[in-house]
Amino acid sequence: GLSATELNWCKANGFSGKAGEQLAVANTEGELTKVLVGTGDGISDD
């Protein structure tokens, strides 16, 4: 569900959704808009 720009940003930073990965995403004004959080195979309820 990420935009092409966000996907390129992920590629440039080596972010692939692995558990423990974290990547800040800013808009064109440099303001933080979201933080991508890698969850690996998904989040366990326990």
All heavy atoms as atom14 arrays in JSON, in Angstrom:
{
  "sequence": "GLSATELNWCKANGFSGKAGEQLAVANTEGELTKVLVGTGDGISDD",
  "atom14_mask": [
    [1, 1, 1, 1, 0, 0, 0, 0, 0, 0, 0, 0, 0, 0],
    [1, 1, 1, 1, 1, 1, 1, 1, 0, 0, 0, 0, 0, 0],
    [1, 1, 1, 1, 1, 1, 0, 0, 0, 0, 0, 0, 0, 0],
    [1, 1, 1, 1, 1, 0, 0, 0, 0, 0, 0, 0, 0, 0],
    [1, 1, 1, 1, 1, 1, 1, 0, 0, 0, 0, 0, 0, 0],
    [1, 1, 1, 1, 1, 1, 1, 1, 1, 0, 0, 0, 0, 0],
    [1, 1, 1, 1, 1, 1, 1, 1, 0, 0, 0, 0, 0, 0],
    [1, 1, 1, 1, 1, 1, 1, 1, 0, 0, 0, 0, 0, 0],
    [1, 1, 1, 1, 1, 1, 1, 1, 1, 1, 1, 1, 1, 1],
    [1, 1, 1, 1, 1, 1, 0, 0, 0, 0, 0, 0, 0, 0],
    [1, 1, 1, 1, 1, 1, 1, 1, 1, 0, 0, 0, 0, 0],
    [1, 1, 1, 1, 1, 0, 0, 0, 0, 0, 0, 0, 0, 0],
    [1, 1, 1, 1, 1, 1, 1, 1, 0, 0, 0, 0, 0, 0],
    [1, 1, 1, 1, 0, 0, 0, 0, 0, 0, 0, 0, 0, 0],
    [1, 1, 1, 1, 1, 1, 1, 1, 1, 1, 1, 0, 0, 0],
    [1, 1, 1, 1, 1, 1, 0, 0, 0, 0, 0, 0, 0, 0],
    [1, 1, 1, 1, 0, 0, 0, 0, 0, 0, 0, 0, 0, 0],
    [1, 1, 1, 1, 1, 1, 1, 1, 1, 0, 0, 0, 0, 0],
    [1, 1, 1, 1, 1, 0, 0, 0, 0, 0, 0, 0, 0, 0],
    [1, 1, 1, 1, 0, 0, 0, 0, 0, 0, 0, 0, 0, 0],
    [1, 1, 1, 1, 1, 1, 1, 1, 1, 0, 0, 0, 0, 0],
    [1, 1, 1, 1, 1, 1, 1, 1, 1, 0, 0, 0, 0, 0],
    [1, 1, 1, 1, 1, 1, 1, 1, 0, 0, 0, 0, 0, 0],
    [1, 1, 1, 1, 1, 0, 0, 0, 0, 0, 0, 0, 0, 0],
    [1, 1, 1, 1, 1, 1, 1, 0, 0, 0, 0, 0, 0, 0],
    [1, 1, 1, 1, 1, 0, 0, 0, 0, 0, 0, 0, 0, 0],
    [1, 1, 1, 1, 1, 1, 1, 1, 0, 0, 0, 0, 0, 0],
    [1, 1, 1, 1, 1, 1, 1, 0, 0, 0, 0, 0, 0, 0],
    [1, 1, 1, 1, 1, 1, 1, 1, 1, 0, 0, 0, 0, 0],
    [1, 1, 1, 1, 0, 0, 0, 0, 0, 0, 0, 0, 0, 0],
    [1, 1, 1, 1, 1, 1, 1, 1, 1, 0, 0, 0, 0, 0],
    [1, 1, 1, 1, 1, 1, 1, 1, 0, 0, 0, 0, 0, 0],
    [1, 1, 1, 1, 1, 1, 1, 0, 0, 0, 0, 0, 0, 0],
    [1, 1, 1, 1, 1, 1, 1, 1, 1, 0, 0, 0, 0, 0],
    [1, 1, 1, 1, 1, 1, 1, 0, 0, 0, 0, 0, 0, 0],
    [1, 1, 1, 1, 1, 1, 1, 1, 0, 0, 0, 0, 0, 0],
    [1, 1, 1, 1, 1, 1, 1, 0, 0, 0, 0, 0, 0, 0],
    [1, 1, 1, 1, 0, 0, 0, 0, 0, 0, 0, 0, 0, 0],
    [1, 1, 1, 1, 1, 1, 1, 0, 0, 0, 0, 0, 0, 0],
    [1, 1, 1, 1, 0, 0, 0, 0, 0, 0, 0, 0, 0, 0],
    [1, 1, 1, 1, 1, 1, 1, 1, 0, 0, 0, 0, 0, 0],
    [1, 1, 1, 1, 0, 0, 0, 0, 0, 0, 0, 0, 0, 0],
    [1, 1, 1, 1, 1, 1, 1, 1, 0, 0, 0, 0, 0, 0],
    [1, 1, 1, 1, 1, 1, 0, 0, 0, 0, 0, 0, 0, 0],
    [1, 1, 1, 1, 1, 1, 1, 1, 0, 0, 0, 0, 0, 0],
    [1, 1, 1, 1, 1, 1, 1, 1, 0, 0, 0, 0, 0, 0]
  ],
  "atom14_positions": [
    [[0.8, -1.22, 0.0], [0.0, 0.0, 0.0], [0.83, 1.26, 0.0], [0.29, 2.36, 0.17], [0.0, 0.0, 0.0], [0.0, 0.0, 0.0], [0.0, 0.0, 0.0], [0.0, 0.0, 0.0], [0.0, 0.0, 0.0], [0.0, 0.0, 0.0], [0.0, 0.0, 0.0], [0.0, 0.0, 0.0], [0.0, 0.0, 0.0], [0.0, 0.0, 0.0]],
    [[2.13, 1.16, -0.21], [3.0, 2.33, -0.21], [3.03, 2.94, -1.61], [2.91, 2.26, -2.62], [4.41, 1.94, 0.22], [4.56, 1.31, 1.61], [6.02, 0.95, 1.86], [4.04, 2.24, 2.69], [0.0, 0.0, 0.0], [0.0, 0.0, 0.0], [0.0, 0.0, 0.0], [0.0, 0.0, 0.0], [0.0, 0.0, 0.0], [0.0, 0.0, 0.0]],
    [[3.22, 4.24, -1.66], [3.32, 4.93, -2.94], [4.67, 4.61, -3.6], [5.58, 4.09, -2.95], [3.21, 6.44, -2.73], [4.35, 6.92, -2.04], [0.0, 0.0, 0.0], [0.0, 0.0, 0.0], [0.0, 0.0, 0.0], [0.0, 0.0, 0.0], [0.0, 0.0, 0.0], [0.0, 0.0, 0.0], [0.0, 0.0, 0.0], [0.0, 0.0, 0.0]],
    [[4.77, 4.95, -4.9], [6.02, 4.7, -5.6], [7.18, 5.46, -4.95], [8.3, 4.93, -4.83], [5.87, 5.11, -7.07], [0.0, 0.0, 0.0], [0.0, 0.0, 0.0], [0.0, 0.0, 0.0], [0.0, 0.0, 0.0], [0.0, 0.0, 0.0], [0.0, 0.0, 0.0], [0.0, 0.0, 0.0], [0.0, 0.0, 0.0], [0.0, 0.0, 0.0]],
    [[6.9, 6.68, -4.51], [7.95, 7.47, -3.85], [8.4, 6.79, -2.56], [9.6, 6.71, -2.25], [7.42, 8.88, -3.54], [7.04, 9.52, -4.76], [8.49, 9.71, -2.84], [0.0, 0.0, 0.0], [0.0, 0.0, 0.0], [0.0, 0.0, 0.0], [0.0, 0.0, 0.0], [0.0, 0.0, 0.0], [0.0, 0.0, 0.0], [0.0, 0.0, 0.0]],
    [[7.42, 6.28, -1.78], [7.74, 5.63, -0.52], [8.5, 4.32, -0.76], [9.43, 3.99, -0.02], [6.47, 5.37, 0.27], [5.83, 6.66, 0.81], [4.44, 6.45, 1.36], [3.78, 5.44, 1.0], [3.98, 7.3, 2.15], [0.0, 0.0, 0.0], [0.0, 0.0, 0.0], [0.0, 0.0, 0.0], [0.0, 0.0, 0.0], [0.0, 0.0, 0.0]],
    [[8.1, 3.6, -1.82], [8.81, 2.36, -2.14], [10.26, 2.65, -2.52], [11.18, 1.91, -2.15], [8.1, 1.62, -3.26], [6.77, 0.94, -2.87], [6.03, 0.44, -4.11], [7.01, -0.21, -1.9], [0.0, 0.0, 0.0], [0.0, 0.0, 0.0], [0.0, 0.0, 0.0], [0.0, 0.0, 0.0], [0.0, 0.0, 0.0], [0.0, 0.0, 0.0]],
    [[10.47, 3.69, -3.28], [11.84, 4.07, -3.65], [12.65, 4.45, -2.41], [13.85, 4.14, -2.31], [11.82, 5.23, -4.65], [11.36, 4.8, -6.02], [11.51, 3.63, -6.4], [10.81, 5.74, -6.79], [0.0, 0.0, 0.0], [0.0, 0.0, 0.0], [0.0, 0.0, 0.0], [0.0, 0.0, 0.0], [0.0, 0.0, 0.0], [0.0, 0.0, 0.0]],
    [[12.0, 5.15, -1.48], [12.66, 5.52, -0.23], [13.06, 4.28, 0.57], [14.16, 4.21, 1.13], [11.73, 6.42, 0.57], [12.27, 6.9, 1.9], [11.77, 6.61, 3.13], [13.39, 7.77, 2.12], [12.49, 7.23, 4.1], [13.5, 7.95, 3.52], [14.29, 8.4, 1.27], [14.49, 8.73, 4.08], [15.3, 9.18, 1.84], [15.39, 9.34, 3.23]],
    [[12.14, 3.3, 0.59], [12.44, 2.03, 1.27], [13.64, 1.34, 0.63], [14.54, 0.84, 1.32], [11.23, 1.1, 1.21], [9.83, 1.64, 2.21], [0.0, 0.0, 0.0], [0.0, 0.0, 0.0], [0.0, 0.0, 0.0], [0.0, 0.0, 0.0], [0.0, 0.0, 0.0], [0.0, 0.0, 0.0], [0.0, 0.0, 0.0], [0.0, 0.0, 0.0]],
    [[13.65, 1.31, -0.71], [14.74, 0.66, -1.43], [16.06, 1.36, -1.14], [17.1, 0.71, -0.91], [14.45, 0.67, -2.93], [15.49, -0.08, -3.75], [15.09, -0.1, -5.22], [16.15, -0.85, -6.05], [15.77, -0.88, -7.49], [0.0, 0.0, 0.0], [0.0, 0.0, 0.0], [0.0, 0.0, 0.0], [0.0, 0.0, 0.0], [0.0, 0.0, 0.0]],
    [[16.03, 2.67, -1.12], [17.26, 3.43, -0.87], [17.81, 3.2, 0.53], [19.03, 3.29, 0.75], [16.98, 4.92, -1.09], [0.0, 0.0, 0.0], [0.0, 0.0, 0.0], [0.0, 0.0, 0.0], [0.0, 0.0, 0.0], [0.0, 0.0, 0.0], [0.0, 0.0, 0.0], [0.0, 0.0, 0.0], [0.0, 0.0, 0.0], [0.0, 0.0, 0.0]],
    [[16.92, 2.87, 1.48], [17.33, 2.67, 2.87], [17.41, 1.2, 3.27], [17.67, 0.9, 4.45], [16.37, 3.41, 3.81], [16.56, 4.9, 3.78], [17.43, 5.43, 4.47], [15.77, 5.59, 2.95], [0.0, 0.0, 0.0], [0.0, 0.0, 0.0], [0.0, 0.0, 0.0], [0.0, 0.0, 0.0], [0.0, 0.0, 0.0], [0.0, 0.0, 0.0]],
    [[17.16, 0.31, 2.29], [17.27, -1.11, 2.59], [16.16, -1.66, 3.46], [16.32, -2.7, 4.11], [0.0, 0.0, 0.0], [0.0, 0.0, 0.0], [0.0, 0.0, 0.0], [0.0, 0.0, 0.0], [0.0, 0.0, 0.0], [0.0, 0.0, 0.0], [0.0, 0.0, 0.0], [0.0, 0.0, 0.0], [0.0, 0.0, 0.0], [0.0, 0.0, 0.0]],
    [[15.02, -0.97, 3.49], [13.88, -1.43, 4.3], [13.07, -2.45, 3.51], [12.67, -2.19, 2.37], [12.98, -0.24, 4.67], [11.78, -0.62, 5.48], [11.85, -0.66, 6.86], [10.57, -0.93, 4.86], [10.73, -1.0, 7.62], [9.46, -1.27, 5.61], [9.54, -1.31, 7.0], [0.0, 0.0, 0.0], [0.0, 0.0, 0.0], [0.0, 0.0, 0.0]],
    [[12.81, -3.61, 4.13], [12.08, -4.67, 3.42], [10.95, -5.29, 4.23], [10.38, -6.3, 3.83], [13.06, -5.77, 2.99], [13.66, -6.36, 4.14], [0.0, 0.0, 0.0], [0.0, 0.0, 0.0], [0.0, 0.0, 0.0], [0.0, 0.0, 0.0], [0.0, 0.0, 0.0], [0.0, 0.0, 0.0], [0.0, 0.0, 0.0], [0.0, 0.0, 0.0]],
    [[10.63, -4.72, 5.38], [9.53, -5.23, 6.2], [9.94, -6.32, 7.17], [9.07, -6.95, 7.79], [0.0, 0.0, 0.0], [0.0, 0.0, 0.0], [0.0, 0.0, 0.0], [0.0, 0.0, 0.0], [0.0, 0.0, 0.0], [0.0, 0.0, 0.0], [0.0, 0.0, 0.0], [0.0, 0.0, 0.0], [0.0, 0.0, 0.0], [0.0, 0.0, 0.0]],
    [[11.22, -6.55, 7.34], [11.66, -7.55, 8.3], [11.31, -7.09, 9.72], [11.28, -5.9, 10.01], [13.17, -7.77, 8.19], [13.61, -8.43, 6.89], [15.13, -8.6, 6.88], [15.59, -9.23, 5.58], [17.08, -9.36, 5.53], [0.0, 0.0, 0.0], [0.0, 0.0, 0.0], [0.0, 0.0, 0.0], [0.0, 0.0, 0.0], [0.0, 0.0, 0.0]],
    [[11.07, -8.06, 10.58], [10.75, -7.73, 11.97], [11.88, -6.92, 12.59], [13.06, -7.26, 12.45], [10.52, -9.01, 12.77], [0.0, 0.0, 0.0], [0.0, 0.0, 0.0], [0.0, 0.0, 0.0], [0.0, 0.0, 0.0], [0.0, 0.0, 0.0], [0.0, 0.0, 0.0], [0.0, 0.0, 0.0], [0.0, 0.0, 0.0], [0.0, 0.0, 0.0]],
    [[11.53, -5.82, 13.24], [12.51, -4.97, 13.91], [12.97, -3.8, 13.08], [13.58, -2.87, 13.62], [0.0, 0.0, 0.0], [0.0, 0.0, 0.0], [0.0, 0.0, 0.0], [0.0, 0.0, 0.0], [0.0, 0.0, 0.0], [0.0, 0.0, 0.0], [0.0, 0.0, 0.0], [0.0, 0.0, 0.0], [0.0, 0.0, 0.0], [0.0, 0.0, 0.0]],
    [[12.69, -3.82, 11.77], [13.08, -2.68, 10.94], [12.15, -1.5, 11.18], [10.97, -1.68, 11.47], [13.04, -3.06, 9.45], [14.16, -3.99, 9.01], [14.13, -4.22, 7.51], [13.03, -4.21, 6.92], [15.21, -4.42, 6.93], [0.0, 0.0, 0.0], [0.0, 0.0, 0.0], [0.0, 0.0, 0.0], [0.0, 0.0, 0.0], [0.0, 0.0, 0.0]],
    [[12.69, -0.32, 11.01], [11.91, 0.89, 11.23], [12.45, 1.99, 10.32], [13.66, 2.15, 10.19], [12.04, 1.32, 12.7], [11.07, 2.37, 13.16], [11.1, 2.51, 14.67], [11.14, 1.52, 15.39], [11.09, 3.73, 15.16], [0.0, 0.0, 0.0], [0.0, 0.0, 0.0], [0.0, 0.0, 0.0], [0.0, 0.0, 0.0], [0.0, 0.0, 0.0]],
    [[11.55, 2.71, 9.65], [11.98, 3.73, 8.7], [11.05, 4.92, 8.75], [9.83, 4.79, 8.57], [12.02, 3.16, 7.28], [12.47, 4.12, 6.16], [13.92, 4.57, 6.38], [12.3, 3.47, 4.79], [0.0, 0.0, 0.0], [0.0, 0.0, 0.0], [0.0, 0.0, 0.0], [0.0, 0.0, 0.0], [0.0, 0.0, 0.0], [0.0, 0.0, 0.0]],
    [[11.6, 6.11, 9.0], [10.8, 7.34, 9.02], [10.58, 7.83, 7.59], [11.48, 7.77, 6.75], [11.52, 8.41, 9.83], [0.0, 0.0, 0.0], [0.0, 0.0, 0.0], [0.0, 0.0, 0.0], [0.0, 0.0, 0.0], [0.0, 0.0, 0.0], [0.0, 0.0, 0.0], [0.0, 0.0, 0.0], [0.0, 0.0, 0.0], [0.0, 0.0, 0.0]],
    [[9.36, 8.32, 7.32], [9.0, 8.84, 6.0], [8.51, 10.27, 6.18], [7.63, 10.54, 7.0], [7.9, 7.99, 5.33], [7.51, 8.58, 3.98], [8.36, 6.54, 5.17], [0.0, 0.0, 0.0], [0.0, 0.0, 0.0], [0.0, 0.0, 0.0], [0.0, 0.0, 0.0], [0.0, 0.0, 0.0], [0.0, 0.0, 0.0], [0.0, 0.0, 0.0]],
    [[9.09, 11.2, 5.39], [8.72, 12.61, 5.49], [8.07, 13.08, 4.2], [8.22, 12.47, 3.14], [9.96, 13.45, 5.79], [0.0, 0.0, 0.0], [0.0, 0.0, 0.0], [0.0, 0.0, 0.0], [0.0, 0.0, 0.0], [0.0, 0.0, 0.0], [0.0, 0.0, 0.0], [0.0, 0.0, 0.0], [0.0, 0.0, 0.0], [0.0, 0.0, 0.0]],
    [[7.31, 14.18, 4.27], [6.73, 14.76, 3.06], [7.75, 15.69, 2.39], [8.89, 15.81, 2.84], [5.42, 15.49, 3.39], [5.63, 16.62, 4.39], [6.74, 17.14, 4.55], [4.55, 17.02, 5.06], [0.0, 0.0, 0.0], [0.0, 0.0, 0.0], [0.0, 0.0, 0.0], [0.0, 0.0, 0.0], [0.0, 0.0, 0.0], [0.0, 0.0, 0.0]],
    [[7.33, 16.36, 1.35], [8.26, 17.21, 0.59], [8.75, 18.39, 1.4], [9.77, 19.0, 1.06], [7.59, 17.71, -0.7], [6.37, 18.38, -0.35], [7.3, 16.55, -1.64], [0.0, 0.0, 0.0], [0.0, 0.0, 0.0], [0.0, 0.0, 0.0], [0.0, 0.0, 0.0], [0.0, 0.0, 0.0], [0.0, 0.0, 0.0], [0.0, 0.0, 0.0]],
    [[8.02, 18.73, 2.49], [8.46, 19.82, 3.35], [9.38, 19.32, 4.47], [9.8, 20.09, 5.33], [7.26, 20.54, 3.98], [6.53, 21.48, 3.04], [5.69, 20.72, 2.02], [5.1, 19.68, 2.41], [5.64, 21.15, 0.85], [0.0, 0.0, 0.0], [0.0, 0.0, 0.0], [0.0, 0.0, 0.0], [0.0, 0.0, 0.0], [0.0, 0.0, 0.0]],
    [[9.66, 18.02, 4.45], [10.53, 17.46, 5.47], [9.83, 17.14, 6.78], [10.48, 16.82, 7.77], [0.0, 0.0, 0.0], [0.0, 0.0, 0.0], [0.0, 0.0, 0.0], [0.0, 0.0, 0.0], [0.0, 0.0, 0.0], [0.0, 0.0, 0.0], [0.0, 0.0, 0.0], [0.0, 0.0, 0.0], [0.0, 0.0, 0.0], [0.0, 0.0, 0.0]],
    [[8.49, 17.19, 6.78], [7.73, 16.88, 8.0], [7.47, 15.38, 8.07], [7.11, 14.75, 7.08], [6.4, 17.63, 8.0], [6.55, 19.14, 7.99], [5.23, 19.85, 7.76], [4.33, 19.23, 7.16], [5.11, 21.01, 8.19], [0.0, 0.0, 0.0], [0.0, 0.0, 0.0], [0.0, 0.0, 0.0], [0.0, 0.0, 0.0], [0.0, 0.0, 0.0]],
    [[7.65, 14.82, 9.28], [7.4, 13.39, 9.48], [5.92, 13.07, 9.28], [5.06, 13.67, 9.94], [7.84, 12.97, 10.89], [7.67, 11.5, 11.25], [8.57, 10.62, 10.4], [7.96, 11.27, 12.74], [0.0, 0.0, 0.0], [0.0, 0.0, 0.0], [0.0, 0.0, 0.0], [0.0, 0.0, 0.0], [0.0, 0.0, 0.0], [0.0, 0.0, 0.0]],
    [[5.62, 12.16, 8.37], [4.23, 11.79, 8.11], [3.89, 10.38, 8.56], [2.76, 10.1, 8.94], [3.92, 11.89, 6.6], [4.83, 11.03, 5.88], [4.07, 13.32, 6.13], [0.0, 0.0, 0.0], [0.0, 0.0, 0.0], [0.0, 0.0, 0.0], [0.0, 0.0, 0.0], [0.0, 0.0, 0.0], [0.0, 0.0, 0.0], [0.0, 0.0, 0.0]],
    [[4.87, 9.5, 8.51], [4.63, 8.14, 8.96], [5.96, 7.48, 9.3], [7.03, 7.93, 8.88], [3.89, 7.32, 7.89], [4.67, 7.07, 6.61], [3.91, 6.16, 5.64], [2.61, 6.81, 5.16], [1.93, 5.98, 4.14], [0.0, 0.0, 0.0], [0.0, 0.0, 0.0], [0.0, 0.0, 0.0], [0.0, 0.0, 0.0], [0.0, 0.0, 0.0]],
    [[5.84, 6.41, 10.07], [6.99, 5.58, 10.38], [6.64, 4.16, 9.95], [5.62, 3.6, 10.4], [7.35, 5.6, 11.88], [8.52, 4.66, 12.16], [7.69, 7.01, 12.33], [0.0, 0.0, 0.0], [0.0, 0.0, 0.0], [0.0, 0.0, 0.0], [0.0, 0.0, 0.0], [0.0, 0.0, 0.0], [0.0, 0.0, 0.0], [0.0, 0.0, 0.0]],
    [[7.41, 3.61, 9.03], [7.18, 2.24, 8.59], [7.78, 1.28, 9.63], [8.92, 1.45, 10.06], [7.83, 1.99, 7.23], [7.43, 2.94, 6.1], [8.1, 2.52, 4.8], [5.92, 2.99, 5.94], [0.0, 0.0, 0.0], [0.0, 0.0, 0.0], [0.0, 0.0, 0.0], [0.0, 0.0, 0.0], [0.0, 0.0, 0.0], [0.0, 0.0, 0.0]],
    [[6.99, 0.3, 10.01], [7.39, -0.66, 11.05], [7.35, -2.05, 10.45], [6.29, -2.56, 10.08], [6.46, -0.58, 12.28], [6.86, -1.62, 13.32], [6.49, 0.82, 12.87], [0.0, 0.0, 0.0], [0.0, 0.0, 0.0], [0.0, 0.0, 0.0], [0.0, 0.0, 0.0], [0.0, 0.0, 0.0], [0.0, 0.0, 0.0], [0.0, 0.0, 0.0]],
    [[8.5, -2.68, 10.34], [8.55, -4.03, 9.81], [8.03, -5.03, 10.82], [8.39, -4.99, 12.01], [0.0, 0.0, 0.0], [0.0, 0.0, 0.0], [0.0, 0.0, 0.0], [0.0, 0.0, 0.0], [0.0, 0.0, 0.0], [0.0, 0.0, 0.0], [0.0, 0.0, 0.0], [0.0, 0.0, 0.0], [0.0, 0.0, 0.0], [0.0, 0.0, 0.0]],
    [[7.18, -5.95, 10.36], [6.59, -6.95, 11.26], [6.93, -8.37, 10.86], [6.38, -9.33, 11.4], [5.06, -6.8, 11.32], [4.51, -7.0, 10.0], [4.67, -5.42, 11.84], [0.0, 0.0, 0.0], [0.0, 0.0, 0.0], [0.0, 0.0, 0.0], [0.0, 0.0, 0.0], [0.0, 0.0, 0.0], [0.0, 0.0, 0.0], [0.0, 0.0, 0.0]],
    [[7.85, -8.54, 9.88], [8.26, -9.88, 9.5], [7.1, -10.7, 8.97], [6.42, -10.3, 8.02], [0.0, 0.0, 0.0], [0.0, 0.0, 0.0], [0.0, 0.0, 0.0], [0.0, 0.0, 0.0], [0.0, 0.0, 0.0], [0.0, 0.0, 0.0], [0.0, 0.0, 0.0], [0.0, 0.0, 0.0], [0.0, 0.0, 0.0], [0.0, 0.0, 0.0]],
    [[6.84, -11.82, 9.59], [5.73, -12.7, 9.17], [4.4, -12.3, 9.77], [3.4, -13.02, 9.62], [6.05, -14.15, 9.55], [7.26, -14.7, 8.8], [7.47, -14.28, 7.65], [7.98, -15.54, 9.37], [0.0, 0.0, 0.0], [0.0, 0.0, 0.0], [0.0, 0.0, 0.0], [0.0, 0.0, 0.0], [0.0, 0.0, 0.0], [0.0, 0.0, 0.0]],
    [[4.36, -11.2, 10.49], [3.11, -10.74, 11.1], [3.25, -10.65, 12.61], [4.24, -11.07, 13.21], [0.0, 0.0, 0.0], [0.0, 0.0, 0.0], [0.0, 0.0, 0.0], [0.0, 0.0, 0.0], [0.0, 0.0, 0.0], [0.0, 0.0, 0.0], [0.0, 0.0, 0.0], [0.0, 0.0, 0.0], [0.0, 0.0, 0.0], [0.0, 0.0, 0.0]],
    [[2.23, -10.09, 13.25], [2.25, -9.85, 14.69], [1.47, -10.93, 15.42], [0.33, -11.23, 15.08], [1.64, -8.47, 15.02], [2.43, -7.38, 14.29], [1.65, -8.22, 16.51], [1.72, -6.05, 14.29], [0.0, 0.0, 0.0], [0.0, 0.0, 0.0], [0.0, 0.0, 0.0], [0.0, 0.0, 0.0], [0.0, 0.0, 0.0], [0.0, 0.0, 0.0]],
    [[2.09, -11.5, 16.43], [1.43, -12.52, 17.24], [0.59, -11.86, 18.33], [0.96, -10.83, 18.9], [2.48, -13.43, 17.88], [1.89, -14.31, 18.81], [0.0, 0.0, 0.0], [0.0, 0.0, 0.0], [0.0, 0.0, 0.0], [0.0, 0.0, 0.0], [0.0, 0.0, 0.0], [0.0, 0.0, 0.0], [0.0, 0.0, 0.0], [0.0, 0.0, 0.0]],
    [[-0.55, -12.48, 18.62], [-1.43, -11.95, 19.67], [-0.86, -12.13, 21.08], [-1.39, -11.56, 22.03], [-2.79, -12.64, 19.6], [-3.66, -12.09, 18.48], [-3.26, -11.09, 17.86], [-4.73, -12.68, 18.22], [0.0, 0.0, 0.0], [0.0, 0.0, 0.0], [0.0, 0.0, 0.0], [0.0, 0.0, 0.0], [0.0, 0.0, 0.0], [0.0, 0.0, 0.0]],
    [[0.19, -12.93, 21.22], [0.72, -13.19, 22.56], [2.08, -12.51, 22.79], [2.81, -12.9, 23.7], [0.83, -14.69, 22.82], [1.77, -15.41, 21.84], [2.36, -14.72, 20.99], [1.9, -16.64, 21.93], [0.0, 0.0, 0.0], [0.0, 0.0, 0.0], [0.0, 0.0, 0.0], [0.0, 0.0, 0.0], [0.0, 0.0, 0.0], [0.0, 0.0, 0.0]]
  ]
}
